[in-house]
Amino acid sequence: MRVIEAVAARLDQPVKMAGNLGIDLPSSGLWSENQIRNAIWRCIFCRHGSECAEWVNAGTPGVPGFCRNREFYLGRVRDAA
């Protein structure tokens, strides 16, 4: 997979992960634009891209322990409650 394809494949993962947590990332208002950008960059540079893709595409609830955005997502779930 070329670099551009690898990056493109990861761009949707933060949105899907948030969706698995019941949060509509684009319209939730829980994140600032800068926070979303940082979460996306953490996903792009994560070494667990394939594992994460399997996780989010399966609709598995929760956030995996290897996720670089784990605390970020879980903090937002607490904030939304």
PDB file of N, CA and C in Angstrom:
ATOM      1  N   MET A   1       0.850  -1.174   0.000  1.00  0.00           N
ATOM      2  CA  MET A   1       0.000   0.000   0.000  1.00  0.00           C
ATOM      3  C   MET A   1       0.898   1.241   0.000  1.00  0.00           C
ATOM      4  N   ARG A   2       0.590   2.159  -0.884  1.00  0.00           N
ATOM      5  CA  ARG A   2       1.353   3.401  -0.946  1.00  0.00           C
ATOM      6  C   ARG A   2       1.019   4.292   0.245  1.00  0.00           C
ATOM      7  N   VAL A   3       1.877   5.252   0.487  1.00  0.00           N
ATOM      8  CA  VAL A   3       1.712   6.139   1.639  1.00  0.00           C
ATOM      9  C   VAL A   3       0.377   6.873   1.575  1.00  0.00           C
ATOM     10  N   ILE A   4       0.034   7.416   0.414  1.00  0.00           N
ATOM     11  CA  ILE A   4      -1.221   8.162   0.274  1.00  0.00           C
ATOM     12  C   ILE A   4      -2.407   7.261   0.586  1.00  0.00           C
ATOM     13  N   GLU A   5      -2.384   6.036   0.101  1.00  0.00           N
ATOM     14  CA  GLU A   5      -3.475   5.093   0.365  1.00  0.00           C
ATOM     15  C   GLU A   5      -3.550   4.746   1.843  1.00  0.00           C
ATOM     16  N   ALA A   6      -2.398   4.580   2.475  1.00  0.00           N
ATOM     17  CA  ALA A   6      -2.372   4.250   3.903  1.00  0.00           C
ATOM     18  C   ALA A   6      -2.951   5.389   4.734  1.00  0.00           C
ATOM     19  N   VAL A   7      -2.586   6.616   4.401  1.00  0.00           N
ATOM     20  CA  VAL A   7      -3.115   7.772   5.130  1.00  0.00           C
ATOM     21  C   VAL A   7      -4.617   7.889   4.904  1.00  0.00           C
ATOM     22  N   ALA A   8      -5.046   7.760   3.660  1.00  0.00           N
ATOM     23  CA  ALA A   8      -6.475   7.858   3.342  1.00  0.00           C
ATOM     24  C   ALA A   8      -7.280   6.797   4.078  1.00  0.00           C
ATOM     25  N   ALA A   9      -6.725   5.607   4.193  1.00  0.00           N
ATOM     26  CA  ALA A   9      -7.428   4.519   4.879  1.00  0.00           C
ATOM     27  C   ALA A   9      -7.624   4.825   6.359  1.00  0.00           C
ATOM     28  N   ARG A  10      -6.738   5.615   6.929  1.00  0.00           N
ATOM     29  CA  ARG A  10      -6.820   5.923   8.362  1.00  0.00           C
ATOM     30  C   ARG A  10      -7.688   7.133   8.691  1.00  0.00           C
ATOM     31  N   LEU A  11      -8.004   7.957   7.707  1.00  0.00           N
ATOM     32  CA  LEU A  11      -8.722   9.198   7.986  1.00  0.00           C
ATOM     33  C   LEU A  11     -10.109   8.973   8.571  1.00  0.00           C
ATOM     34  N   ASP A  12     -10.761   7.885   8.211  1.00  0.00           N
ATOM     35  CA  ASP A  12     -12.108   7.608   8.716  1.00  0.00           C
ATOM     36  C   ASP A  12     -12.107   6.889  10.060  1.00  0.00           C
ATOM     37  N   GLN A  13     -10.975   6.334  10.459  1.00  0.00           N
ATOM     38  CA  GLN A  13     -10.955   5.543  11.689  1.00  0.00           C
ATOM     39  C   GLN A  13     -11.364   6.320  12.935  1.00  0.00           C
ATOM     40  N   PRO A  14     -10.956   7.574  13.129  1.00  0.00           N
ATOM     41  CA  PRO A  14     -11.422   8.299  14.323  1.00  0.00           C
ATOM     42  C   PRO A  14     -12.936   8.494  14.331  1.00  0.00           C
ATOM     43  N   VAL A  15     -13.508   8.751  13.159  1.00  0.00           N
ATOM     44  CA  VAL A  15     -14.963   8.939  13.068  1.00  0.00           C
ATOM     45  C   VAL A  15     -15.680   7.633  13.387  1.00  0.00           C
ATOM     46  N   LYS A  16     -15.168   6.526  12.850  1.00  0.00           N
ATOM     47  CA  LYS A  16     -15.782   5.219  13.108  1.00  0.00           C
ATOM     48  C   LYS A  16     -15.648   4.828  14.576  1.00  0.00           C
ATOM     49  N   MET A  17     -14.481   5.083  15.170  1.00  0.00           N
ATOM     50  CA  MET A  17     -14.277   4.739  16.579  1.00  0.00           C
ATOM     51  C   MET A  17     -15.256   5.520  17.448  1.00  0.00           C
ATOM     52  N   ALA A  18     -15.389   6.814  17.175  1.00  0.00           N
ATOM     53  CA  ALA A  18     -16.342   7.628  17.931  1.00  0.00           C
ATOM     54  C   ALA A  18     -17.758   7.098  17.732  1.00  0.00           C
ATOM     55  N   GLY A  19     -18.087   6.712  16.507  1.00  0.00           N
ATOM     56  CA  GLY A  19     -19.409   6.149  16.223  1.00  0.00           C
ATOM     57  C   GLY A  19     -19.667   4.881  17.008  1.00  0.00           C
ATOM     58  N   ASN A  20     -18.645   4.038  17.160  1.00  0.00           N
ATOM     59  CA  ASN A  20     -18.791   2.817  17.956  1.00  0.00           C
ATOM     60  C   ASN A  20     -19.070   3.136  19.420  1.00  0.00           C
ATOM     61  N   LEU A  21     -18.697   4.347  19.840  1.00  0.00           N
ATOM     62  CA  LEU A  21     -18.940   4.783  21.216  1.00  0.00           C
ATOM     63  C   LEU A  21     -20.245   5.558  21.338  1.00  0.00           C
ATOM     64  N   GLY A  22     -20.963   5.670  20.220  1.00  0.00           N
ATOM     65  CA  GLY A  22     -22.240   6.376  20.234  1.00  0.00           C
ATOM     66  C   GLY A  22     -22.109   7.882  20.107  1.00  0.00           C
ATOM     67  N   ILE A  23     -20.963   8.338  19.609  1.00  0.00           N
ATOM     68  CA  ILE A  23     -20.723   9.769  19.452  1.00  0.00           C
ATOM     69  C   ILE A  23     -20.610  10.096  17.968  1.00  0.00           C
ATOM     70  N   ASP A  24     -21.374  11.084  17.522  1.00  0.00           N
ATOM     71  CA  ASP A  24     -21.281  11.576  16.151  1.00  0.00           C
ATOM     72  C   ASP A  24     -20.174  12.628  16.133  1.00  0.00           C
ATOM     73  N   LEU A  25     -18.981  12.201  15.785  1.00  0.00           N
ATOM     74  CA  LEU A  25     -17.796  13.064  15.878  1.00  0.00           C
ATOM     75  C   LEU A  25     -17.968  14.407  15.173  1.00  0.00           C
ATOM     76  N   PRO A  26     -18.425  14.431  13.924  1.00  0.00           N
ATOM     77  CA  PRO A  26     -18.499  15.727  13.240  1.00  0.00           C
ATOM     78  C   PRO A  26     -19.478  16.718  13.873  1.00  0.00           C
ATOM     79  N   SER A  27     -20.546  16.254  14.474  1.00  0.00           N
ATOM     80  CA  SER A  27     -21.550  17.196  14.974  1.00  0.00           C
ATOM     81  C   SER A  27     -21.742  17.160  16.485  1.00  0.00           C
ATOM     82  N   SER A  28     -20.886  16.441  17.195  1.00  0.00           N
ATOM     83  CA  SER A  28     -21.086  16.282  18.637  1.00  0.00           C
ATOM     84  C   SER A  28     -20.839  17.564  19.419  1.00  0.00           C
ATOM     85  N   GLY A  29     -19.950  18.409  18.923  1.00  0.00           N
ATOM     86  CA  GLY A  29     -19.601  19.615  19.662  1.00  0.00           C
ATOM     87  C   GLY A  29     -18.704  19.345  20.857  1.00  0.00           C
ATOM     88  N   LEU A  30     -18.313  18.086  21.059  1.00  0.00           N
ATOM     89  CA  LEU A  30     -17.456  17.732  22.191  1.00  0.00           C
ATOM     90  C   LEU A  30     -15.983  18.001  21.905  1.00  0.00           C
ATOM     91  N   TRP A  31     -15.649  18.120  20.640  1.00  0.00           N
ATOM     92  CA  TRP A  31     -14.263  18.309  20.242  1.00  0.00           C
ATOM     93  C   TRP A  31     -14.094  19.626  19.518  1.00  0.00           C
ATOM     94  N   SER A  32     -12.976  20.278  19.740  1.00  0.00           N
ATOM     95  CA  SER A  32     -12.622  21.446  18.934  1.00  0.00           C
ATOM     96  C   SER A  32     -11.980  20.931  17.645  1.00  0.00           C
ATOM     97  N   GLU A  33     -11.883  21.792  16.667  1.00  0.00           N
ATOM     98  CA  GLU A  33     -11.251  21.408  15.407  1.00  0.00           C
ATOM     99  C   GLU A  33      -9.821  20.938  15.647  1.00  0.00           C
ATOM    100  N   ASN A  34      -9.109  21.602  16.521  1.00  0.00           N
ATOM    101  CA  ASN A  34      -7.735  21.230  16.826  1.00  0.00           C
ATOM    102  C   ASN A  34      -7.659  19.853  17.494  1.00  0.00           C
ATOM    103  N   GLN A  35      -8.590  19.551  18.388  1.00  0.00           N
ATOM    104  CA  GLN A  35      -8.603  18.239  19.041  1.00  0.00           C
ATOM    105  C   GLN A  35      -8.876  17.132  18.026  1.00  0.00           C
ATOM    106  N   ILE A  36      -9.791  17.376  17.104  1.00  0.00           N
ATOM    107  CA  ILE A  36     -10.084  16.384  16.060  1.00  0.00           C
ATOM    108  C   ILE A  36      -8.857  16.180  15.184  1.00  0.00           C
ATOM    109  N   ARG A  37      -8.217  17.259  14.794  1.00  0.00           N
ATOM    110  CA  ARG A  37      -7.012  17.171  13.964  1.00  0.00           C
ATOM    111  C   ARG A  37      -5.935  16.356  14.675  1.00  0.00           C
ATOM    112  N   ASN A  38      -5.718  16.620  15.954  1.00  0.00           N
ATOM    113  CA  ASN A  38      -4.707  15.872  16.710  1.00  0.00           C
ATOM    114  C   ASN A  38      -5.055  14.396  16.808  1.00  0.00           C
ATOM    115  N   ALA A  39      -6.326  14.085  17.013  1.00  0.00           N
ATOM    116  CA  ALA A  39      -6.753  12.682  17.075  1.00  0.00           C
ATOM    117  C   ALA A  39      -6.493  11.986  15.745  1.00  0.00           C
ATOM    118  N   ILE A  40      -6.775  12.673  14.645  1.00  0.00           N
ATOM    119  CA  ILE A  40      -6.537  12.093  13.321  1.00  0.00           C
ATOM    120  C   ILE A  40      -5.051  11.845  13.108  1.00  0.00           C
ATOM    121  N   TRP A  41      -4.206  12.795  13.489  1.00  0.00           N
ATOM    122  CA  TRP A  41      -2.766  12.598  13.344  1.00  0.00           C
ATOM    123  C   TRP A  41      -2.272  11.428  14.186  1.00  0.00           C
ATOM    124  N   ARG A  42      -2.804  11.300  15.395  1.00  0.00           N
ATOM    125  CA  ARG A  42      -2.395  10.149  16.222  1.00  0.00           C
ATOM    126  C   ARG A  42      -2.778   8.848  15.529  1.00  0.00           C
ATOM    127  N   CYS A  43      -3.930   8.815  14.899  1.00  0.00           N
ATOM    128  CA  CYS A  43      -4.350   7.610  14.169  1.00  0.00           C
ATOM    129  C   CYS A  43      -3.445   7.348  12.969  1.00  0.00           C
ATOM    130  N   ILE A  44      -3.139   8.397  12.231  1.00  0.00           N
ATOM    131  CA  ILE A  44      -2.309   8.234  11.037  1.00  0.00           C
ATOM    132  C   ILE A  44      -0.958   7.630  11.385  1.00  0.00           C
ATOM    133  N   PHE A  45      -0.373   8.053  12.492  1.00  0.00           N
ATOM    134  CA  PHE A  45       0.963   7.580  12.851  1.00  0.00           C
ATOM    135  C   PHE A  45       0.971   6.380  13.799  1.00  0.00           C
ATOM    136  N   CYS A  46      -0.177   5.842  14.117  1.00  0.00           N
ATOM    137  CA  CYS A  46      -0.270   4.687  15.001  1.00  0.00           C
ATOM    138  C   CYS A  46       0.254   3.431  14.305  1.00  0.00           C
ATOM    139  N   ARG A  47       0.869   2.567  15.051  1.00  0.00           N
ATOM    140  CA  ARG A  47       1.409   1.316  14.499  1.00  0.00           C
ATOM    141  C   ARG A  47       0.393   0.180  14.505  1.00  0.00           C
ATOM    142  N   HIS A  48      -0.811   0.456  14.961  1.00  0.00           N
ATOM    143  CA  HIS A  48      -1.838  -0.577  15.057  1.00  0.00           C
ATOM    144  C   HIS A  48      -2.976  -0.341  14.072  1.00  0.00           C
ATOM    145  N   GLY A  49      -2.661   0.247  12.922  1.00  0.00           N
ATOM    146  CA  GLY A  49      -3.688   0.602  11.946  1.00  0.00           C
ATOM    147  C   GLY A  49      -4.543  -0.562  11.491  1.00  0.00           C
ATOM    148  N   SER A  50      -3.923  -1.692  11.192  1.00  0.00           N
ATOM    149  CA  SER A  50      -4.684  -2.855  10.722  1.00  0.00           C
ATOM    150  C   SER A  50      -5.572  -3.411  11.822  1.00  0.00           C
ATOM    151  N   GLU A  51      -5.020  -3.516  13.024  1.00  0.00           N
ATOM    152  CA  GLU A  51      -5.811  -4.001  14.159  1.00  0.00           C
ATOM    153  C   GLU A  51      -6.983  -3.067  14.441  1.00  0.00           C
ATOM    154  N   CYS A  52      -6.729  -1.777  14.361  1.00  0.00           N
ATOM    155  CA  CYS A  52      -7.773  -0.795  14.620  1.00  0.00           C
ATOM    156  C   CYS A  52      -8.865  -0.883  13.555  1.00  0.00           C
ATOM    157  N   ALA A  53      -8.462  -1.005  12.297  1.00  0.00           N
ATOM    158  CA  ALA A  53      -9.440  -1.112  11.213  1.00  0.00           C
ATOM    159  C   ALA A  53     -10.350  -2.311  11.439  1.00  0.00           C
ATOM    160  N   GLU A  54      -9.776  -3.437  11.837  1.00  0.00           N
ATOM    161  CA  GLU A  54     -10.590  -4.621  12.131  1.00  0.00           C
ATOM    162  C   GLU A  54     -11.548  -4.331  13.281  1.00  0.00           C
ATOM    163  N   TRP A  55     -11.064  -3.658  14.315  1.00  0.00           N
ATOM    164  CA  TRP A  55     -11.861  -3.329  15.500  1.00  0.00           C
ATOM    165  C   TRP A  55     -13.052  -2.452  15.122  1.00  0.00           C
ATOM    166  N   VAL A  56     -12.765  -1.328  14.447  1.00  0.00           N
ATOM    167  CA  VAL A  56     -13.848  -0.389  14.147  1.00  0.00           C
ATOM    168  C   VAL A  56     -14.801  -0.927  13.094  1.00  0.00           C
ATOM    169  N   ASN A  57     -14.286  -1.652  12.117  1.00  0.00           N
ATOM    170  CA  ASN A  57     -15.158  -2.189  11.071  1.00  0.00           C
ATOM    171  C   ASN A  57     -16.062  -3.295  11.591  1.00  0.00           C
ATOM    172  N   ALA A  58     -15.639  -3.960  12.659  1.00  0.00           N
ATOM    173  CA  ALA A  58     -16.483  -4.994  13.271  1.00  0.00           C
ATOM    174  C   ALA A  58     -17.538  -4.374  14.181  1.00  0.00           C
ATOM    175  N   GLY A  59     -17.404  -3.064  14.453  1.00  0.00           N
ATOM    176  CA  GLY A  59     -18.357  -2.395  15.344  1.00  0.00           C
ATOM    177  C   GLY A  59     -18.184  -2.799  16.795  1.00  0.00           C
ATOM    178  N   THR A  60     -16.983  -3.248  17.137  1.00  0.00           N
ATOM    179  CA  THR A  60     -16.702  -3.680  18.503  1.00  0.00           C
ATOM    180  C   THR A  60     -16.873  -2.507  19.466  1.00  0.00           C
ATOM    181  N   PRO A  61     -17.640  -2.688  20.535  1.00  0.00           N
ATOM    182  CA  PRO A  61     -17.831  -1.582  21.482  1.00  0.00           C
ATOM    183  C   PRO A  61     -16.561  -1.291  22.280  1.00  0.00           C
ATOM    184  N   GLY A  62     -16.458  -0.075  22.762  1.00  0.00           N
ATOM    185  CA  GLY A  62     -15.312   0.309  23.571  1.00  0.00           C
ATOM    186  C   GLY A  62     -14.135   0.763  22.731  1.00  0.00           C
ATOM    187  N   VAL A  63     -13.026   0.999  23.403  1.00  0.00           N
ATOM    188  CA  VAL A  63     -11.797   1.456  22.760  1.00  0.00           C
ATOM    189  C   VAL A  63     -10.706   0.451  23.101  1.00  0.00           C
ATOM    190  N   PRO A  64      -9.976  -0.046  22.095  1.00  0.00           N
ATOM    191  CA  PRO A  64      -8.938  -1.038  22.385  1.00  0.00           C
ATOM    192  C   PRO A  64      -7.800  -0.442  23.214  1.00  0.00           C
ATOM    193  N   GLY A  65      -7.152  -1.285  23.977  1.00  0.00           N
ATOM    194  CA  GLY A  65      -6.057  -0.845  24.831  1.00  0.00           C
ATOM    195  C   GLY A  65      -4.885  -0.259  24.072  1.00  0.00           C
ATOM    196  N   PHE A  66      -4.708  -0.646  22.818  1.00  0.00           N
ATOM    197  CA  PHE A  66      -3.583  -0.137  22.039  1.00  0.00           C
ATOM    198  C   PHE A  66      -3.847   1.233  21.418  1.00  0.00           C
ATOM    199  N   CYS A  67      -5.050   1.743  21.533  1.00  0.00           N
ATOM    200  CA  CYS A  67      -5.441   2.992  20.863  1.00  0.00           C
ATOM    201  C   CYS A  67      -4.714   4.196  21.460  1.00  0.00           C
ATOM    202  N   ARG A  68      -4.050   4.964  20.610  1.00  0.00           N
ATOM    203  CA  ARG A  68      -3.335   6.165  21.061  1.00  0.00           C
ATOM    204  C   ARG A  68      -4.294   7.272  21.470  1.00  0.00           C
ATOM    205  N   ASN A  69      -5.565   7.141  21.092  1.00  0.00           N
ATOM    206  CA  ASN A  69      -6.592   8.119  21.453  1.00  0.00           C
ATOM    207  C   ASN A  69      -7.517   7.596  22.547  1.00  0.00           C
ATOM    208  N   ARG A  70      -7.159   6.516  23.180  1.00  0.00           N
ATOM    209  CA  ARG A  70      -8.035   5.865  24.161  1.00  0.00           C
ATOM    210  C   ARG A  70      -8.548   6.831  25.236  1.00  0.00           C
ATOM    211  N   GLU A  71      -7.652   7.506  25.918  1.00  0.00           N
ATOM    212  CA  GLU A  71      -8.069   8.424  26.983  1.00  0.00           C
ATOM    213  C   GLU A  71      -8.887   9.581  26.425  1.00  0.00           C
ATOM    214  N   PHE A  72      -8.532  10.022  25.246  1.00  0.00           N
ATOM    215  CA  PHE A  72      -9.267  11.095  24.585  1.00  0.00           C
ATOM    216  C   PHE A  72     -10.714  10.680  24.343  1.00  0.00           C
ATOM    217  N   TYR A  73     -10.929   9.495  23.769  1.00  0.00           N
ATOM    218  CA  TYR A  73     -12.290   9.004  23.511  1.00  0.00           C
ATOM    219  C   TYR A  73     -13.045   8.756  24.812  1.00  0.00           C
ATOM    220  N   LEU A  74     -12.409   8.074  25.745  1.00  0.00           N
ATOM    221  CA  LEU A  74     -13.099   7.745  26.991  1.00  0.00           C
ATOM    222  C   LEU A  74     -13.452   9.001  27.776  1.00  0.00           C
ATOM    223  N   GLY A  75     -12.594  10.008  27.721  1.00  0.00           N
ATOM    224  CA  GLY A  75     -12.899  11.278  28.368  1.00  0.00           C
ATOM    225  C   GLY A  75     -14.114  11.939  27.749  1.00  0.00           C
ATOM    226  N   ARG A  76     -14.258  11.816  26.449  1.00  0.00           N
ATOM    227  CA  ARG A  76     -15.405  12.411  25.764  1.00  0.00           C
ATOM    228  C   ARG A  76     -16.683  11.647  26.059  1.00  0.00           C
ATOM    229  N   VAL A  77     -16.574  10.346  26.219  1.00  0.00           N
ATOM    230  CA  VAL A  77     -17.759   9.553  26.576  1.00  0.00           C
ATOM    231  C   VAL A  77     -18.247   9.986  27.953  1.00  0.00           C
ATOM    232  N   ARG A  78     -17.308  10.178  28.896  1.00  0.00           N
ATOM    233  CA  ARG A  78     -17.682  10.648  30.238  1.00  0.00           C
ATOM    234  C   ARG A  78     -18.300  12.044  30.169  1.00  0.00           C
ATOM    235  N   ASP A  79     -17.723  12.923  29.336  1.00  0.00           N
ATOM    236  CA  ASP A  79     -18.241  14.286  29.207  1.00  0.00           C
ATOM    237  C   ASP A  79     -19.646  14.308  28.620  1.00  0.00           C
ATOM    238  N   ALA A  80     -19.919  13.367  27.717  1.00  0.00           N
ATOM    239  CA  ALA A  80     -21.226  13.334  27.047  1.00  0.00           C
ATOM    240  C   ALA A  80     -22.314  12.769  27.948  1.00  0.00           C
ATOM    241  N   ALA A  81     -21.909  12.015  28.966  1.00  0.00           N
ATOM    242  CA  ALA A  81     -22.892  11.356  29.846  1.00  0.00           C
ATOM    243  C   ALA A  81     -23.572  12.325  30.785  1.00  0.00           C
TER     244      ALA A  81
END
